[in-house]
PDB file of N, CA and C in Angstrom:
ATOM      1  N   UNK A   1     135.793  43.907 -81.304  1.00  0.00           N
ATOM      2  CA  UNK A   1     134.831  44.592 -80.418  1.00  0.00           C
ATOM      3  C   UNK A   1     135.032  46.021 -80.493  1.00  0.00           C
ATOM      4  N   UNK A   2     134.008  46.776 -80.693  1.00  0.00           N
ATOM      5  CA  UNK A   2     134.054  48.254 -80.732  1.00  0.00           C
ATOM      6  C   UNK A   2     133.964  48.786 -79.248  1.00  0.00           C
ATOM      7  N   UNK A   3     134.834  49.743 -78.976  1.00  0.00           N
ATOM      8  CA  UNK A   3     134.853  50.268 -77.646  1.00  0.00           C
ATOM      9  C   UNK A   3     134.019  51.529 -77.551  1.00  0.00           C
ATOM     10  N   UNK A   4     133.742  52.015 -76.395  1.00  0.00           N
ATOM     11  CA  UNK A   4     133.082  53.308 -76.198  1.00  0.00           C
ATOM     12  C   UNK A   4     133.834  54.408 -76.839  1.00  0.00           C
ATOM     13  N   UNK A   5     135.205  54.360 -76.699  1.00  0.00           N
ATOM     14  CA  UNK A   5     136.052  55.363 -77.255  1.00  0.00           C
ATOM     15  C   UNK A   5     136.002  55.375 -78.820  1.00  0.00           C
ATOM     16  N   UNK A   6     135.838  54.154 -79.406  1.00  0.00           N
ATOM     17  CA  UNK A   6     135.694  54.046 -80.862  1.00  0.00           C
ATOM     18  C   UNK A   6     134.428  54.725 -81.313  1.00  0.00           C
ATOM     19  N   UNK A   7     133.326  54.485 -80.547  1.00  0.00           N
ATOM     20  CA  UNK A   7     132.059  55.089 -80.844  1.00  0.00           C
ATOM     21  C   UNK A   7     132.098  56.563 -80.709  1.00  0.00           C
ATOM     22  N   UNK A   8     132.743  57.011 -79.596  1.00  0.00           N
ATOM     23  CA  UNK A   8     132.855  58.488 -79.372  1.00  0.00           C
ATOM     24  C   UNK A   8     133.626  59.114 -80.427  1.00  0.00           C
ATOM     25  N   UNK A   9     134.758  58.594 -80.839  1.00  0.00           N
ATOM     26  CA  UNK A   9     135.514  59.191 -81.938  1.00  0.00           C
ATOM     27  C   UNK A   9     134.747  59.289 -83.251  1.00  0.00           C
ATOM     28  N   UNK A  10     134.090  58.194 -83.540  1.00  0.00           N
ATOM     29  CA  UNK A  10     133.253  58.295 -84.840  1.00  0.00           C
ATOM     30  C   UNK A  10     132.120  59.255 -84.738  1.00  0.00           C
ATOM     31  N   UNK A  11     131.445  59.185 -83.625  1.00  0.00           N
ATOM     32  CA  UNK A  11     130.219  60.160 -83.476  1.00  0.00           C
ATOM     33  C   UNK A  11     130.711  61.589 -83.512  1.00  0.00           C
ATOM     34  N   UNK A  12     131.808  61.894 -82.758  1.00  0.00           N
ATOM     35  CA  UNK A  12     132.169  63.300 -82.631  1.00  0.00           C
ATOM     36  C   UNK A  12     132.877  63.765 -83.929  1.00  0.00           C
ATOM     37  N   UNK A  13     133.154  62.893 -84.853  1.00  0.00           N
ATOM     38  CA  UNK A  13     133.761  63.295 -86.150  1.00  0.00           C
ATOM     39  C   UNK A  13     132.686  63.813 -87.100  1.00  0.00           C
ATOM     40  N   UNK A  14     131.441  63.608 -86.765  1.00  0.00           N
ATOM     41  CA  UNK A  14     130.334  64.102 -87.637  1.00  0.00           C
ATOM     42  C   UNK A  14     130.028  65.552 -87.396  1.00  0.00           C
ATOM     43  N   UNK A  15     129.715  66.305 -88.435  1.00  0.00           N
ATOM     44  CA  UNK A  15     129.504  67.714 -88.307  1.00  0.00           C
ATOM     45  C   UNK A  15     128.399  68.023 -87.320  1.00  0.00           C
ATOM     46  N   UNK A  16     128.624  68.969 -86.410  1.00  0.00           N
ATOM     47  CA  UNK A  16     127.621  69.454 -85.397  1.00  0.00           C
ATOM     48  C   UNK A  16     127.382  68.529 -84.289  1.00  0.00           C
ATOM     49  N   UNK A  17     128.070  67.411 -84.203  1.00  0.00           N
ATOM     50  CA  UNK A  17     127.835  66.411 -83.138  1.00  0.00           C
ATOM     51  C   UNK A  17     128.517  66.802 -81.852  1.00  0.00           C
ATOM     52  N   UNK A  18     127.794  66.534 -80.738  1.00  0.00           N
ATOM     53  CA  UNK A  18     128.419  66.697 -79.453  1.00  0.00           C
ATOM     54  C   UNK A  18     127.942  65.649 -78.494  1.00  0.00           C
ATOM     55  N   UNK A  19     128.651  65.334 -77.454  1.00  0.00           N
ATOM     56  CA  UNK A  19     128.329  64.341 -76.488  1.00  0.00           C
ATOM     57  C   UNK A  19     127.601  64.987 -75.297  1.00  0.00           C
ATOM     58  N   UNK A  20     126.631  64.261 -74.735  1.00  0.00           N
ATOM     59  CA  UNK A  20     125.885  64.650 -73.547  1.00  0.00           C
ATOM     60  C   UNK A  20     125.406  63.465 -72.793  1.00  0.00           C
ATOM     61  N   UNK A  21     125.540  63.491 -71.475  1.00  0.00           N
ATOM     62  CA  UNK A  21     125.066  62.412 -70.659  1.00  0.00           C
ATOM     63  C   UNK A  21     123.580  62.277 -70.768  1.00  0.00           C
ATOM     64  N   UNK A  22     123.091  61.109 -70.813  1.00  0.00           N
ATOM     65  CA  UNK A  22     121.665  60.835 -70.979  1.00  0.00           C
ATOM     66  C   UNK A  22     121.205  59.580 -70.237  1.00  0.00           C
ATOM     67  N   UNK A  23     119.948  59.458 -69.935  1.00  0.00           N
ATOM     68  CA  UNK A  23     119.421  58.209 -69.391  1.00  0.00           C
ATOM     69  C   UNK A  23     120.346  57.576 -68.380  1.00  0.00           C
ATOM     70  N   UNK A  24     120.345  58.194 -67.176  1.00  0.00           N
ATOM     71  CA  UNK A  24     121.142  57.606 -66.075  1.00  0.00           C
ATOM     72  C   UNK A  24     122.653  57.842 -66.248  1.00  0.00           C
ATOM     73  N   UNK A  25     122.964  58.876 -66.946  1.00  0.00           N
ATOM     74  CA  UNK A  25     124.375  59.226 -67.050  1.00  0.00           C
ATOM     75  C   UNK A  25     125.142  58.581 -68.203  1.00  0.00           C
ATOM     76  N   UNK A  26     124.447  57.728 -69.019  1.00  0.00           N
ATOM     77  CA  UNK A  26     125.083  57.077 -70.073  1.00  0.00           C
ATOM     78  C   UNK A  26     125.333  58.079 -71.247  1.00  0.00           C
ATOM     79  N   UNK A  27     126.478  57.780 -72.004  1.00  0.00           N
ATOM     80  CA  UNK A  27     126.810  58.726 -73.044  1.00  0.00           C
ATOM     81  C   UNK A  27     125.821  58.715 -74.213  1.00  0.00           C
ATOM     82  N   UNK A  28     125.544  59.885 -74.732  1.00  0.00           N
ATOM     83  CA  UNK A  28     124.751  59.978 -75.990  1.00  0.00           C
ATOM     84  C   UNK A  28     125.389  61.044 -76.818  1.00  0.00           C
ATOM     85  N   UNK A  29     125.095  60.939 -78.152  1.00  0.00           N
ATOM     86  CA  UNK A  29     125.649  61.861 -79.129  1.00  0.00           C
ATOM     87  C   UNK A  29     124.461  62.489 -79.857  1.00  0.00           C
ATOM     88  N   UNK A  30     124.586  63.778 -80.059  1.00  0.00           N
ATOM     89  CA  UNK A  30     123.451  64.611 -80.501  1.00  0.00           C
ATOM     90  C   UNK A  30     123.928  65.667 -81.537  1.00  0.00           C
ATOM     91  N   UNK A  31     122.920  66.150 -82.253  1.00  0.00           N
ATOM     92  CA  UNK A  31     123.045  67.341 -82.938  1.00  0.00           C
ATOM     93  C   UNK A  31     121.794  68.131 -82.442  1.00  0.00           C
ATOM     94  N   UNK A  32     121.937  69.414 -82.468  1.00  0.00           N
ATOM     95  CA  UNK A  32     120.744  70.185 -82.010  1.00  0.00           C
ATOM     96  C   UNK A  32     119.614  69.963 -82.939  1.00  0.00           C
ATOM     97  N   UNK A  33     118.463  69.531 -82.602  1.00  0.00           N
ATOM     98  CA  UNK A  33     118.003  69.277 -81.178  1.00  0.00           C
ATOM     99  C   UNK A  33     117.935  67.836 -80.860  1.00  0.00           C
ATOM    100  N   UNK A  34     118.425  66.932 -81.685  1.00  0.00           N
ATOM    101  CA  UNK A  34     118.072  65.489 -81.491  1.00  0.00           C
ATOM    102  C   UNK A  34     119.291  64.588 -81.179  1.00  0.00           C
ATOM    103  N   UNK A  35     119.013  63.482 -80.452  1.00  0.00           N
ATOM    104  CA  UNK A  35     119.983  62.455 -80.157  1.00  0.00           C
ATOM    105  C   UNK A  35     120.062  61.533 -81.409  1.00  0.00           C
ATOM    106  N   UNK A  36     121.200  61.119 -81.837  1.00  0.00           N
ATOM    107  CA  UNK A  36     121.361  60.148 -82.937  1.00  0.00           C
ATOM    108  C   UNK A  36     121.942  58.827 -82.514  1.00  0.00           C
ATOM    109  N   UNK A  37     122.502  58.751 -81.308  1.00  0.00           N
ATOM    110  CA  UNK A  37     123.125  57.480 -80.815  1.00  0.00           C
ATOM    111  C   UNK A  37     123.271  57.638 -79.296  1.00  0.00           C
ATOM    112  N   UNK A  38     123.172  56.457 -78.609  1.00  0.00           N
ATOM    113  CA  UNK A  38     123.484  56.442 -77.170  1.00  0.00           C
ATOM    114  C   UNK A  38     123.838  55.039 -76.815  1.00  0.00           C
ATOM    115  N   UNK A  39     124.526  54.841 -75.734  1.00  0.00           N
ATOM    116  CA  UNK A  39     124.918  53.551 -75.167  1.00  0.00           C
ATOM    117  C   UNK A  39     123.999  53.184 -74.025  1.00  0.00           C
ATOM    118  N   UNK A  40     123.283  52.134 -74.145  1.00  0.00           N
ATOM    119  CA  UNK A  40     122.438  51.749 -72.988  1.00  0.00           C
ATOM    120  C   UNK A  40     123.206  50.682 -72.183  1.00  0.00           C
ATOM    121  N   UNK A  41     122.736  50.419 -70.962  1.00  0.00           N
ATOM    122  CA  UNK A  41     123.533  49.584 -70.069  1.00  0.00           C
ATOM    123  C   UNK A  41     123.041  48.136 -69.977  1.00  0.00           C
ATOM    124  N   UNK A  42     121.809  47.910 -69.930  1.00  0.00           N
ATOM    125  CA  UNK A  42     121.306  46.565 -69.544  1.00  0.00           C
ATOM    126  C   UNK A  42     120.265  46.054 -70.491  1.00  0.00           C
ATOM    127  N   UNK A  43     120.639  45.257 -71.520  1.00  0.00           N
ATOM    128  CA  UNK A  43     121.955  44.763 -71.829  1.00  0.00           C
ATOM    129  C   UNK A  43     122.703  45.925 -72.560  1.00  0.00           C
ATOM    130  N   UNK A  44     124.029  45.938 -72.431  1.00  0.00           N
ATOM    131  CA  UNK A  44     124.794  46.975 -73.069  1.00  0.00           C
ATOM    132  C   UNK A  44     124.621  46.890 -74.602  1.00  0.00           C
ATOM    133  N   UNK A  45     124.337  47.992 -75.140  1.00  0.00           N
ATOM    134  CA  UNK A  45     124.158  48.042 -76.607  1.00  0.00           C
ATOM    135  C   UNK A  45     124.270  49.457 -77.083  1.00  0.00           C
ATOM    136  N   UNK A  46     124.700  49.676 -78.315  1.00  0.00           N
ATOM    137  CA  UNK A  46     124.733  50.925 -78.954  1.00  0.00           C
ATOM    138  C   UNK A  46     123.367  51.092 -79.642  1.00  0.00           C
ATOM    139  N   UNK A  47     122.655  52.118 -79.345  1.00  0.00           N
ATOM    140  CA  UNK A  47     121.355  52.389 -79.917  1.00  0.00           C
ATOM    141  C   UNK A  47     121.486  53.513 -80.961  1.00  0.00           C
ATOM    142  N   UNK A  48     121.064  53.212 -82.167  1.00  0.00           N
ATOM    143  CA  UNK A  48     121.085  54.288 -83.252  1.00  0.00           C
ATOM    144  C   UNK A  48     119.752  54.270 -83.921  1.00  0.00           C
ATOM    145  N   UNK A  49     119.392  55.415 -84.547  1.00  0.00           N
ATOM    146  CA  UNK A  49     118.213  55.568 -85.323  1.00  0.00           C
ATOM    147  C   UNK A  49     118.427  55.203 -86.728  1.00  0.00           C
ATOM    148  N   UNK A  50     117.437  54.565 -87.355  1.00  0.00           N
ATOM    149  CA  UNK A  50     117.493  54.308 -88.816  1.00  0.00           C
ATOM    150  C   UNK A  50     116.169  54.688 -89.378  1.00  0.00           C
ATOM    151  N   UNK A  51     116.170  54.781 -90.691  1.00  0.00           N
ATOM    152  CA  UNK A  51     115.029  55.384 -91.426  1.00  0.00           C
ATOM    153  C   UNK A  51     113.754  54.411 -91.423  1.00  0.00           C
ATOM    154  N   UNK A  52     114.042  53.117 -91.491  1.00  0.00           N
ATOM    155  CA  UNK A  52     112.950  52.140 -91.632  1.00  0.00           C
ATOM    156  C   UNK A  52     113.199  50.829 -91.012  1.00  0.00           C
ATOM    157  N   UNK A  53     112.217  50.044 -90.843  1.00  0.00           N
ATOM    158  CA  UNK A  53     112.394  48.664 -90.393  1.00  0.00           C
ATOM    159  C   UNK A  53     113.240  47.872 -91.352  1.00  0.00           C
ATOM    160  N   UNK A  54     113.076  48.093 -92.653  1.00  0.00           N
ATOM    161  CA  UNK A  54     113.921  47.379 -93.623  1.00  0.00           C
ATOM    162  C   UNK A  54     115.366  47.705 -93.485  1.00  0.00           C
ATOM    163  N   UNK A  55     115.731  48.996 -93.172  1.00  0.00           N
ATOM    164  CA  UNK A  55     117.083  49.394 -93.006  1.00  0.00           C
ATOM    165  C   UNK A  55     117.692  48.739 -91.689  1.00  0.00           C
ATOM    166  N   UNK A  56     116.769  48.610 -90.684  1.00  0.00           N
ATOM    167  CA  UNK A  56     117.222  48.010 -89.397  1.00  0.00           C
ATOM    168  C   UNK A  56     117.576  46.478 -89.721  1.00  0.00           C
ATOM    169  N   UNK A  57     116.744  45.797 -90.374  1.00  0.00           N
ATOM    170  CA  UNK A  57     116.993  44.389 -90.661  1.00  0.00           C
ATOM    171  C   UNK A  57     118.234  44.250 -91.567  1.00  0.00           C
ATOM    172  N   UNK A  58     118.465  45.204 -92.464  1.00  0.00           N
ATOM    173  CA  UNK A  58     119.631  45.136 -93.346  1.00  0.00           C
ATOM    174  C   UNK A  58     120.875  45.311 -92.514  1.00  0.00           C
ATOM    175  N   UNK A  59     120.850  46.110 -91.510  1.00  0.00           N
ATOM    176  CA  UNK A  59     122.083  46.236 -90.683  1.00  0.00           C
ATOM    177  C   UNK A  59     122.407  44.990 -89.929  1.00  0.00           C
ATOM    178  N   UNK A  60     121.376  44.290 -89.418  1.00  0.00           N
ATOM    179  CA  UNK A  60     121.604  42.983 -88.752  1.00  0.00           C
ATOM    180  C   UNK A  60     122.194  42.001 -89.733  1.00  0.00           C
ATOM    181  N   UNK A  61     121.624  41.947 -90.981  1.00  0.00           N
ATOM    182  CA  UNK A  61     122.069  40.970 -91.918  1.00  0.00           C
ATOM    183  C   UNK A  61     123.559  41.315 -92.349  1.00  0.00           C
ATOM    184  N   UNK A  62     123.861  42.585 -92.508  1.00  0.00           N
ATOM    185  CA  UNK A  62     125.211  42.933 -92.827  1.00  0.00           C
ATOM    186  C   UNK A  62     126.186  42.546 -91.774  1.00  0.00           C
ATOM    187  N   UNK A  63     125.842  42.723 -90.524  1.00  0.00           N
ATOM    188  CA  UNK A  63     126.650  42.247 -89.394  1.00  0.00           C
ATOM    189  C   UNK A  63     126.892  40.755 -89.500  1.00  0.00           C
ATOM    190  N   UNK A  64     125.840  40.025 -89.731  1.00  0.00           N
ATOM    191  CA  UNK A  64     126.034  38.570 -89.913  1.00  0.00           C
ATOM    192  C   UNK A  64     126.955  38.270 -91.063  1.00  0.00           C
ATOM    193  N   UNK A  65     126.756  38.940 -92.169  1.00  0.00           N
ATOM    194  CA  UNK A  65     127.545  38.699 -93.382  1.00  0.00           C
ATOM    195  C   UNK A  65     129.100  38.916 -93.124  1.00  0.00           C
ATOM    196  N   UNK A  66     129.379  39.854 -92.224  1.00  0.00           N
ATOM    197  CA  UNK A  66     130.804  40.134 -91.924  1.00  0.00           C
ATOM    198  C   UNK A  66     131.432  39.120 -90.997  1.00  0.00           C
ATOM    199  N   UNK A  67     130.592  38.410 -90.237  1.00  0.00           N
ATOM    200  CA  UNK A  67     131.151  37.532 -89.267  1.00  0.00           C
ATOM    201  C   UNK A  67     130.960  35.999 -89.569  1.00  0.00           C
ATOM    202  N   UNK A  68     129.998  35.712 -90.448  1.00  0.00           N
ATOM    203  CA  UNK A  68     129.654  34.323 -90.808  1.00  0.00           C
ATOM    204  C   UNK A  68     130.703  33.672 -91.684  1.00  0.00           C
ATOM    205  N   UNK A  69     130.798  32.346 -91.628  1.00  0.00           N
ATOM    206  CA  UNK A  69     131.679  31.641 -92.599  1.00  0.00           C
ATOM    207  C   UNK A  69     131.265  31.979 -94.053  1.00  0.00           C
ATOM    208  N   UNK A  70     132.318  32.033 -94.910  1.00  0.00           N
ATOM    209  CA  UNK A  70     132.044  32.338 -96.301  1.00  0.00           C
ATOM    210  C   UNK A  70     131.075  31.372 -96.928  1.00  0.00           C
ATOM    211  N   UNK A  71     131.096  30.129 -96.595  1.00  0.00           N
ATOM    212  CA  UNK A  71     130.170  29.163 -97.196  1.00  0.00           C
ATOM    213  C   UNK A  71     128.745  29.488 -96.890  1.00  0.00           C
ATOM    214  N   UNK A  72     128.434  29.938 -95.671  1.00  0.00           N
ATOM    215  CA  UNK A  72     127.090  30.403 -95.330  1.00  0.00           C
ATOM    216  C   UNK A  72     126.712  31.643 -96.048  1.00  0.00           C
ATOM    217  N   UNK A  73     127.603  32.489 -96.218  1.00  0.00           N
ATOM    218  CA  UNK A  73     127.255  33.794 -96.951  1.00  0.00           C
ATOM    219  C   UNK A  73     127.028  33.461 -98.435  1.00  0.00           C
ATOM    220  N   UNK A  74     127.827  32.542 -99.051  1.00  0.00           N
ATOM    221  CA  UNK A  74     127.532  32.170-100.418  1.00  0.00           C
ATOM    222  C   UNK A  74     126.211  31.527-100.620  1.00  0.00           C
ATOM    223  N   UNK A  75     125.833  30.663 -99.612  1.00  0.00           N
ATOM    224  CA  UNK A  75     124.525  30.069 -99.724  1.00  0.00           C
ATOM    225  C   UNK A  75     123.350  31.063 -99.558  1.00  0.00           C
ATOM    226  N   UNK A  76     123.573  32.001 -98.618  1.00  0.00           N
ATOM    227  CA  UNK A  76     122.594  33.089 -98.502  1.00  0.00           C
ATOM    228  C   UNK A  76     122.465  33.902 -99.781  1.00  0.00           C
ATOM    229  N   UNK A  77     123.546  34.301-100.329  1.00  0.00           N
ATOM    230  CA  UNK A  77     123.561  35.093-101.585  1.00  0.00           C
ATOM    231  C   UNK A  77     122.885  34.320-102.722  1.00  0.00           C
ATOM    232  N   UNK A  78     123.079  33.038-102.802  1.00  0.00           N
ATOM    233  CA  UNK A  78     122.488  32.231-103.860  1.00  0.00           C
ATOM    234  C   UNK A  78     120.943  32.131-103.732  1.00  0.00           C
ATOM    235  N   UNK A  79     120.520  32.109-102.460  1.00  0.00           N
ATOM    236  CA  UNK A  79     119.040  32.029-102.162  1.00  0.00           C
ATOM    237  C   UNK A  79     118.310  33.414-102.203  1.00  0.00           C
ATOM    238  N   UNK A  80     119.121  34.496-102.128  1.00  0.00           N
ATOM    239  CA  UNK A  80     118.549  35.854-102.072  1.00  0.00           C
ATOM    240  C   UNK A  80     119.225  36.699-103.168  1.00  0.00           C
ATOM    241  N   UNK A  81     118.932  36.457-104.433  1.00  0.00           N
ATOM    242  CA  UNK A  81     119.577  37.217-105.474  1.00  0.00           C
ATOM    243  C   UNK A  81     119.223  38.747-105.489  1.00  0.00           C
TER     244      UNK A  81
END
């Protein structure tokens, strides 16, 4: 499980990034002038921006690939060359 501190460390390691309270005091990370990530509360989630819907779906699939049993991943890979 990734903690708020893990997210904070990663976000603040990026050039020009800073933390600012946003949306009810929840932490967000920005570069001037835009937010690039924030933690929402209900349900708790890390919100990030991606370039396209395809990229968003790829992130969900990659998360599944990292956590699913190898046999399921092999089956997925065989069906989606």
